[in-house]
Amino acid sequence: MEIQKLATRSVVFKYTLPEWDLNLHLILGRRNNYLIDTGLSSQSVAPIQEYLGNNCKPLVVVNTHHHWDHVWGNHCFDDCCIISHTRCRELLTAGYWAGTLKKNVAYIRGDVKVCLPNLVFDDSLYFPDDGIRIFYTPGHTVDCISVYDEQDKVLNAGDNVGDTMREIVPEIETGGDIYIASLHKYKALDFTACVSGHNAILGHEVFDKIEDALKDQYINKDINA
């Protein structure tokens, strides 16, 4: 596990697995602390809890989308505010949890229990004391949300960025037009660092790269049709 400090108040906890990396993102706000995604259960978040130590500020947890590798550690913060999009909570049924645990048992790190978000929204949430904006950005999944730190100019785009630079375009569930609209939201923001679920820390140019790659995909699709 690698800990990387970004700007003045963002800390990224990077877990290296055989198939991919996993980033959990902590923002140390003035009023609240914010944890973006909870990873692969209790062992994933233990270093974050240790890092926070005696920090007594309330912790706000954000699930960027419903996929198992982003929510299995929710139960470690069941006394906290856990935020997601409305569709995310709808998708996190008991059947979904059971199915993902059975299918991905090799990835379990510690205890896993069902723990649903307890605050949902449709368009956006804003925490003015900390300059934290959480907003709806469908693409990789229908329930994707992103987090923008206005003070440090750090964006967390979840899995709307592909897992590697070679595969910079993620799997897109919503269709290209909806995803591109989310890319345009990102490009309108003033940020210097982009944290994603699995890739390296990237800059503002990442979304130009993704759009260019998408155009290439469409061109090749038309040629091969």
Foldseek 3Di string as FASTA:
>chain_A
DDWDDAFDFKIWDWDDDPVFIFIWIWGDFPQEIEIEFFAQADVSCVVVCVVCPPVPHAYEYEQQAQDPRRHQHVVVPLVHQYEWAPVRQVPLDPVVVVVCCVVPVVRHDDDGDDHGHPHHDHAWDADVRGQKIKGAQAWQHNTGIKIARPVSQEIERECCAPQEPVPRHHRTDPDDVSNVVSLVVLLVGRHQWYHYGTYDIDGSCSSVVNVVVVVVVVVVVVVVD
